N, C-alpha and C. Protein backbone atom coordinates (compact mmCIF):
# COMPACT_ATOMS: atom_id res chain seq x y z
N MET A 1 6.14 15.97 -13.74
CA MET A 1 6.10 15.30 -14.98
C MET A 1 6.66 16.08 -16.26
N ALA A 2 7.29 15.83 -16.94
CA ALA A 2 7.91 16.98 -17.68
C ALA A 2 6.66 17.04 -18.80
N ALA A 3 6.66 17.97 -19.47
CA ALA A 3 5.58 18.39 -20.79
C ALA A 3 6.46 17.87 -21.98
N ILE A 4 5.48 17.47 -22.45
CA ILE A 4 5.90 17.32 -23.81
C ILE A 4 5.60 17.81 -24.92
N SER A 5 6.52 18.52 -25.81
CA SER A 5 6.30 19.51 -26.82
C SER A 5 5.28 18.43 -28.04
N PRO A 6 4.53 19.41 -28.80
CA PRO A 6 4.21 18.64 -30.42
C PRO A 6 4.80 17.86 -30.98
N SER A 7 6.24 18.49 -31.35
CA SER A 7 7.41 18.03 -31.83
C SER A 7 7.35 16.58 -31.41
N ASP A 8 7.46 16.09 -30.05
CA ASP A 8 7.93 14.87 -29.57
C ASP A 8 6.88 13.88 -30.52
N ASN A 9 7.24 12.49 -31.30
CA ASN A 9 7.38 11.75 -31.58
C ASN A 9 6.68 10.32 -30.92
N HIS A 10 7.06 10.50 -29.80
CA HIS A 10 6.96 9.40 -29.03
C HIS A 10 6.23 9.23 -27.94
N MET A 11 5.46 8.35 -27.17
CA MET A 11 4.74 8.55 -25.85
C MET A 11 5.18 8.11 -24.97
N GLU A 12 4.99 9.21 -23.89
CA GLU A 12 5.45 9.01 -22.56
C GLU A 12 5.16 8.03 -21.23
N ASP A 13 5.83 6.93 -20.65
CA ASP A 13 4.81 5.66 -20.31
C ASP A 13 4.77 6.48 -19.23
N GLU A 14 3.33 6.57 -18.37
CA GLU A 14 2.64 7.20 -17.59
C GLU A 14 2.65 5.71 -16.57
N GLU A 15 2.72 5.70 -15.00
CA GLU A 15 2.51 4.94 -14.46
C GLU A 15 1.32 5.10 -13.84
N GLU A 16 0.58 3.95 -13.54
CA GLU A 16 -0.79 3.37 -13.11
C GLU A 16 -0.63 2.92 -11.69
N TYR A 17 -1.12 3.68 -10.49
CA TYR A 17 -0.87 2.67 -9.51
C TYR A 17 -2.59 1.85 -8.99
N LEU A 18 -2.77 0.46 -8.68
CA LEU A 18 -4.29 0.43 -8.32
C LEU A 18 -4.22 -0.33 -6.97
N LEU A 19 -5.19 -0.70 -6.17
CA LEU A 19 -5.29 -1.21 -4.98
C LEU A 19 -5.94 -2.80 -5.14
N LEU A 20 -4.77 -3.41 -4.63
CA LEU A 20 -5.55 -4.64 -5.00
C LEU A 20 -6.61 -5.28 -3.38
N ASP A 21 -7.61 -5.43 -3.27
CA ASP A 21 -8.40 -5.49 -2.80
C ASP A 21 -9.14 -6.63 -2.21
N LEU A 22 -8.16 -7.39 -1.05
CA LEU A 22 -8.46 -8.79 -0.84
C LEU A 22 -9.74 -9.14 0.12
N ASP A 23 -9.62 -7.81 0.57
CA ASP A 23 -11.01 -8.39 1.97
C ASP A 23 -12.39 -9.34 1.77
N GLY A 24 -12.73 -9.44 0.48
CA GLY A 24 -13.81 -10.37 0.11
C GLY A 24 -13.10 -11.83 0.19
N VAL A 25 -12.10 -11.78 0.46
CA VAL A 25 -11.55 -13.14 0.25
C VAL A 25 -10.76 -13.36 1.92
N SER A 26 -10.30 -12.45 2.73
CA SER A 26 -9.56 -13.05 3.83
C SER A 26 -10.11 -13.35 5.04
N GLY A 27 -11.81 -13.44 4.69
CA GLY A 27 -12.36 -14.51 5.82
C GLY A 27 -12.59 -15.69 5.41
N GLN A 28 -12.30 -15.81 4.14
CA GLN A 28 -12.42 -17.20 3.41
C GLN A 28 -11.27 -18.01 3.41
N VAL A 29 -9.97 -17.40 3.24
CA VAL A 29 -8.89 -18.53 3.14
C VAL A 29 -7.82 -17.74 4.12
N ASP A 30 -7.00 -18.41 4.19
CA ASP A 30 -5.94 -17.91 4.77
C ASP A 30 -4.72 -17.40 3.79
N ILE A 31 -4.20 -16.38 3.75
CA ILE A 31 -3.17 -15.95 2.94
C ILE A 31 -2.13 -15.80 4.17
N PRO A 32 -0.57 -16.31 3.70
CA PRO A 32 0.52 -16.32 4.26
C PRO A 32 1.07 -15.09 3.94
N PRO A 33 1.91 -14.31 5.19
CA PRO A 33 2.51 -13.00 4.24
C PRO A 33 3.99 -13.45 3.41
N ASN A 34 3.92 -12.59 2.67
CA ASN A 34 4.97 -13.09 1.55
C ASN A 34 4.57 -14.49 0.81
N ALA A 35 3.71 -14.78 0.54
CA ALA A 35 3.19 -15.82 -0.33
C ALA A 35 3.81 -15.22 -1.72
N PRO A 36 4.16 -15.99 -2.38
CA PRO A 36 4.49 -15.73 -3.70
C PRO A 36 3.19 -15.88 -4.42
N TYR A 37 3.07 -14.80 -5.28
CA TYR A 37 1.78 -14.76 -6.27
C TYR A 37 2.26 -14.66 -7.70
N VAL A 38 1.46 -14.51 -8.59
CA VAL A 38 1.47 -14.08 -9.87
C VAL A 38 0.40 -13.69 -10.07
N LEU A 39 0.10 -12.20 -10.57
CA LEU A 39 -1.16 -11.53 -11.03
C LEU A 39 -1.02 -11.08 -13.00
N SER A 40 -1.83 -11.85 -13.27
CA SER A 40 -1.76 -11.92 -15.00
C SER A 40 -3.26 -11.32 -15.55
N GLY A 41 -3.23 -10.98 -16.50
CA GLY A 41 -4.19 -9.93 -17.28
C GLY A 41 -4.70 -8.97 -16.70
N LEU A 42 -3.68 -7.99 -16.18
CA LEU A 42 -4.16 -6.64 -15.88
C LEU A 42 -4.98 -5.83 -17.07
N ASP A 43 -4.53 -6.23 -18.09
CA ASP A 43 -5.56 -5.35 -19.63
C ASP A 43 -6.58 -6.12 -19.94
N THR A 44 -7.06 -6.56 -18.84
CA THR A 44 -8.23 -7.72 -19.30
C THR A 44 -9.57 -6.58 -18.23
N LEU A 45 -10.74 -7.43 -18.33
CA LEU A 45 -11.69 -6.92 -17.73
C LEU A 45 -11.65 -7.44 -16.43
N ASN A 46 -11.33 -9.14 -16.15
CA ASN A 46 -10.84 -9.82 -14.75
C ASN A 46 -9.55 -10.54 -14.98
N PRO A 47 -9.04 -9.21 -14.35
CA PRO A 47 -7.45 -9.92 -14.04
C PRO A 47 -7.60 -11.06 -12.83
N VAL A 48 -7.05 -12.35 -13.07
CA VAL A 48 -6.46 -13.26 -12.19
C VAL A 48 -5.23 -13.21 -11.42
N LEU A 49 -5.31 -13.89 -9.72
CA LEU A 49 -4.37 -13.43 -8.67
C LEU A 49 -4.04 -14.94 -8.49
N VAL A 50 -2.94 -15.15 -8.63
CA VAL A 50 -2.47 -16.90 -8.03
C VAL A 50 -1.64 -17.04 -7.29
N ILE A 51 -2.28 -17.16 -5.76
CA ILE A 51 -1.29 -16.67 -4.31
C ILE A 51 -0.87 -18.52 -4.13
N ASN A 52 0.66 -18.65 -3.60
CA ASN A 52 0.90 -20.07 -3.29
C ASN A 52 0.91 -21.11 -4.36
N ASN A 53 0.53 -20.93 -5.94
CA ASN A 53 0.16 -21.83 -6.90
C ASN A 53 -0.94 -22.65 -6.26
N LYS A 54 -2.01 -22.21 -5.80
CA LYS A 54 -2.73 -23.05 -5.46
C LYS A 54 -3.94 -21.90 -5.20
N LEU A 55 -3.94 -20.87 -4.29
CA LEU A 55 -5.04 -20.05 -4.47
C LEU A 55 -5.48 -19.52 -5.71
N LYS A 56 -6.62 -19.37 -6.71
CA LYS A 56 -6.93 -18.68 -7.37
C LYS A 56 -8.01 -17.32 -7.25
N LEU A 57 -8.00 -16.46 -7.45
CA LEU A 57 -8.38 -15.53 -6.96
C LEU A 57 -8.92 -14.54 -8.74
N ILE A 58 -10.47 -14.50 -8.95
CA ILE A 58 -9.95 -13.45 -10.01
C ILE A 58 -11.12 -11.67 -9.28
N GLY A 59 -10.59 -10.76 -10.64
CA GLY A 59 -10.65 -9.86 -10.33
C GLY A 59 -11.28 -9.08 -10.91
N GLU A 60 -12.08 -7.81 -10.25
CA GLU A 60 -13.22 -7.22 -11.17
C GLU A 60 -12.38 -5.43 -10.70
N TYR A 61 -12.12 -4.61 -11.93
CA TYR A 61 -12.44 -3.40 -11.66
C TYR A 61 -12.99 -2.36 -10.86
N GLU A 62 -12.68 -1.67 -10.21
CA GLU A 62 -13.89 -0.39 -9.75
C GLU A 62 -12.97 0.75 -9.47
N GLU A 63 -13.62 1.39 -10.00
CA GLU A 63 -13.26 2.99 -10.24
C GLU A 63 -13.53 4.23 -8.82
N THR A 64 -12.72 4.53 -7.98
CA THR A 64 -12.91 5.00 -6.36
C THR A 64 -13.68 6.63 -7.18
N ILE A 65 -14.40 6.71 -5.88
CA ILE A 65 -14.68 8.39 -5.74
C ILE A 65 -13.78 8.99 -5.65
N GLY A 66 -13.12 10.01 -6.63
CA GLY A 66 -12.09 11.47 -5.86
C GLY A 66 -10.73 10.01 -6.42
N THR A 67 -9.81 10.65 -5.66
CA THR A 67 -8.44 9.86 -5.91
C THR A 67 -8.22 9.39 -4.43
N CYS A 68 -8.06 8.23 -4.42
CA CYS A 68 -7.33 7.70 -3.01
C CYS A 68 -5.57 7.87 -3.05
N PHE A 69 -5.18 7.83 -1.71
CA PHE A 69 -3.93 7.92 -1.70
C PHE A 69 -3.28 7.04 -0.97
N VAL A 70 -1.90 6.43 -0.97
CA VAL A 70 -1.28 5.71 -0.14
C VAL A 70 0.07 6.10 0.24
N PHE A 71 0.23 5.59 1.58
CA PHE A 71 1.15 6.41 2.93
C PHE A 71 2.04 5.53 2.83
N SER A 72 2.98 5.54 3.71
CA SER A 72 4.15 4.73 3.98
C SER A 72 4.30 5.46 5.25
N GLU A 73 4.32 4.27 6.30
CA GLU A 73 4.43 4.68 7.41
C GLU A 73 5.56 4.23 7.92
N ARG A 74 6.27 4.58 9.05
CA ARG A 74 7.59 3.80 9.93
C ARG A 74 7.17 5.14 10.89
N GLU A 75 8.34 4.23 12.02
CA GLU A 75 8.33 4.98 13.47
C GLU A 75 9.58 5.88 13.04
N ALA A 76 8.95 7.45 13.88
CA ALA A 76 9.92 8.28 13.84
C ALA A 76 11.21 8.59 14.94
N ALA A 77 11.90 8.76 14.76
CA ALA A 77 13.20 9.35 16.17
C ALA A 77 12.00 9.26 17.29
N PRO A 78 12.68 9.33 18.14
CA PRO A 78 11.78 9.65 19.26
C PRO A 78 12.36 11.13 20.07
N VAL A 79 11.53 12.15 20.57
CA VAL A 79 11.65 13.37 20.61
C VAL A 79 12.52 13.45 22.04
N VAL A 80 13.66 13.45 22.14
CA VAL A 80 14.62 13.89 23.12
C VAL A 80 14.91 15.62 23.78
N HIS A 81 14.60 15.46 25.27
CA HIS A 81 14.96 16.63 25.86
C HIS A 81 16.03 16.79 26.17
N GLU A 82 17.08 17.95 26.31
CA GLU A 82 18.27 17.89 27.26
C GLU A 82 17.59 18.80 28.50
N GLU A 83 17.86 18.69 29.52
CA GLU A 83 17.45 18.83 30.79
C GLU A 83 19.28 20.08 30.83
N MET A 84 18.75 21.15 31.03
CA MET A 84 19.47 22.34 31.27
C MET A 84 19.10 23.23 32.40
N GLY A 85 19.94 24.25 32.74
CA GLY A 85 19.47 24.73 33.55
C GLY A 85 20.12 25.33 34.65
N PRO A 86 19.93 27.07 35.22
CA PRO A 86 21.11 26.98 36.54
C PRO A 86 20.91 26.58 37.88
N SER A 87 20.27 25.98 37.98
CA SER A 87 19.69 25.39 39.35
C SER A 87 20.96 24.14 39.51
N GLU A 88 21.46 24.34 40.99
CA GLU A 88 22.44 23.38 41.46
C GLU A 88 21.51 22.14 41.54
N ALA A 89 20.11 22.46 41.93
CA ALA A 89 19.62 21.16 42.39
C ALA A 89 19.30 20.31 40.92
N ASN A 90 19.62 20.87 39.99
CA ASN A 90 18.94 19.91 38.66
C ASN A 90 20.26 18.70 38.55
N LEU A 91 19.89 17.65 38.86
CA LEU A 91 20.61 16.73 38.57
C LEU A 91 21.04 16.06 37.68
N PHE A 92 19.93 16.27 36.85
CA PHE A 92 20.35 16.02 35.46
C PHE A 92 21.10 17.11 34.29
N SER A 93 21.65 17.42 34.75
CA SER A 93 22.03 18.82 33.89
C SER A 93 23.10 18.11 32.98
N GLY A 94 23.04 18.38 31.51
CA GLY A 94 23.34 18.27 30.52
C GLY A 94 23.40 16.34 30.29
N LYS A 95 21.95 15.97 30.37
CA LYS A 95 21.70 14.62 30.35
C LYS A 95 20.24 14.79 29.52
N PHE A 96 19.86 13.63 28.67
CA PHE A 96 19.23 13.56 27.80
C PHE A 96 17.66 12.73 28.51
N ILE A 97 16.77 12.65 28.31
CA ILE A 97 15.49 12.36 29.23
C ILE A 97 14.63 12.05 27.89
N MET A 98 13.61 10.65 27.86
CA MET A 98 12.20 10.99 26.89
C MET A 98 11.70 10.74 28.02
N ASP A 99 10.42 11.22 27.16
CA ASP A 99 9.01 11.26 27.98
C ASP A 99 8.54 10.01 27.94
N PRO A 100 8.20 9.05 28.95
CA PRO A 100 7.70 8.25 29.11
C PRO A 100 6.28 8.02 28.50
N LYS A 101 5.52 9.10 28.80
CA LYS A 101 3.72 9.19 28.60
C LYS A 101 4.19 9.43 26.91
N GLN A 102 4.94 9.98 26.51
CA GLN A 102 4.64 10.16 25.14
C GLN A 102 4.47 9.05 24.26
N ALA A 103 3.03 8.80 23.06
CA ALA A 103 3.36 7.58 22.66
C ALA A 103 4.41 8.02 21.14
N PRO A 104 4.60 6.71 20.68
CA PRO A 104 5.50 6.97 19.55
C PRO A 104 5.14 7.53 18.57
N ASP A 105 5.90 8.39 18.01
CA ASP A 105 5.82 9.22 16.44
C ASP A 105 5.74 8.19 15.30
N LYS A 106 4.39 8.42 14.91
CA LYS A 106 4.80 7.31 13.12
C LYS A 106 4.98 8.90 12.20
N GLU A 107 6.24 8.56 11.42
CA GLU A 107 6.16 9.35 10.05
C GLU A 107 5.59 8.76 8.87
N VAL A 108 4.93 9.29 8.11
CA VAL A 108 3.89 9.47 7.46
C VAL A 108 3.95 10.05 5.73
N LYS A 109 4.28 8.86 4.47
CA LYS A 109 5.07 9.87 3.75
C LYS A 109 4.28 9.07 2.54
N PRO A 110 3.12 10.55 1.78
CA PRO A 110 2.83 9.74 0.53
C PRO A 110 3.97 9.02 -0.80
N ILE A 111 2.97 7.86 -1.15
CA ILE A 111 3.70 7.06 -2.15
C ILE A 111 2.88 7.14 -3.57
N ALA A 112 2.28 7.38 -3.69
CA ALA A 112 1.30 7.31 -4.70
C ALA A 112 -0.25 7.79 -4.85
N ARG A 113 -0.82 7.86 -5.51
CA ARG A 113 -2.58 8.26 -5.83
C ARG A 113 -2.86 7.52 -7.09
N LEU A 114 -4.17 6.78 -6.72
CA LEU A 114 -4.84 6.09 -7.68
C LEU A 114 -6.28 6.22 -7.98
N GLN A 115 -6.66 5.95 -9.30
CA GLN A 115 -8.06 6.22 -9.69
C GLN A 115 -8.92 4.55 -9.76
N LYS A 116 -8.22 3.66 -9.40
CA LYS A 116 -8.92 2.44 -9.55
C LYS A 116 -8.78 1.67 -8.67
N ILE A 117 -9.61 0.42 -8.04
CA ILE A 117 -9.56 -0.89 -6.93
C ILE A 117 -9.48 -2.10 -7.56
N LEU A 118 -8.57 -2.61 -7.75
CA LEU A 118 -8.96 -4.13 -8.28
C LEU A 118 -9.49 -5.44 -7.20
N ARG A 119 -10.78 -5.42 -6.86
CA ARG A 119 -11.60 -6.03 -5.95
C ARG A 119 -11.06 -7.54 -6.61
N PHE A 120 -10.91 -8.54 -5.74
CA PHE A 120 -10.53 -9.89 -5.82
C PHE A 120 -12.01 -10.87 -4.64
N ARG A 121 -12.25 -11.80 -5.82
CA ARG A 121 -13.11 -12.96 -4.58
C ARG A 121 -12.54 -14.01 -5.77
N LEU A 122 -13.06 -15.40 -4.89
CA LEU A 122 -12.76 -16.58 -4.90
C LEU A 122 -13.13 -16.94 -6.61
N LEU A 123 -12.60 -17.85 -6.99
CA LEU A 123 -13.15 -18.29 -8.76
C LEU A 123 -13.58 -19.55 -8.09
N SER A 124 -15.01 -19.22 -9.05
CA SER A 124 -15.61 -20.57 -8.72
C SER A 124 -15.43 -21.24 -9.77
N GLU A 125 -16.77 -22.40 -9.77
CA GLU A 125 -16.57 -23.23 -10.92
C GLU A 125 -17.17 -22.35 -12.15
N THR A 126 -18.07 -21.81 -11.96
CA THR A 126 -18.64 -20.79 -13.21
C THR A 126 -17.63 -20.44 -13.78
N ASP A 127 -16.85 -19.46 -13.25
CA ASP A 127 -16.21 -18.98 -13.72
C ASP A 127 -14.88 -19.51 -14.73
N ASN A 128 -14.48 -20.99 -14.04
CA ASN A 128 -13.43 -21.73 -14.67
C ASN A 128 -14.27 -21.99 -16.14
N LYS A 129 -15.14 -22.44 -16.32
CA LYS A 129 -16.21 -23.07 -17.32
C LYS A 129 -16.09 -21.61 -18.44
N ASP A 130 -16.54 -20.37 -17.84
CA ASP A 130 -16.73 -18.97 -18.75
C ASP A 130 -15.24 -19.04 -19.19
N ALA A 131 -14.02 -19.15 -18.61
CA ALA A 131 -12.75 -19.20 -18.79
C ALA A 131 -12.39 -20.17 -19.70
N SER A 132 -12.84 -21.49 -19.63
CA SER A 132 -11.97 -22.24 -20.92
C SER A 132 -12.99 -22.42 -22.09
N ALA A 133 -14.40 -21.53 -22.09
CA ALA A 133 -15.10 -21.47 -23.24
C ALA A 133 -14.68 -20.56 -24.29
């Protein structure tokens, strides 16, 4: 992040990441993968998440203890060994082999760090009445 000198009159926008926690509703409703959603009211105490224009969830911010890190994970390229050596009995000379007993490697890369979790629950009738009042 670049340092801001006192002579700068504008504020630099700072990105803030938060985790959307749907564990509280995952056993109660089925949320299809890649379902369209609308997240509104991020600047309020209770943001609203609408999934598939049907399911309405209400969120509540929760501060983390310390800093949470978010990582991406993908399959890493397999480790390949080239067989070589002076032995005439080596039938695999110049060939490439992979160890079948070796588990596939994962490449993990940090994406972001966050200090807030947005925990969601189903919107109840009392929540609807409070929102309309």
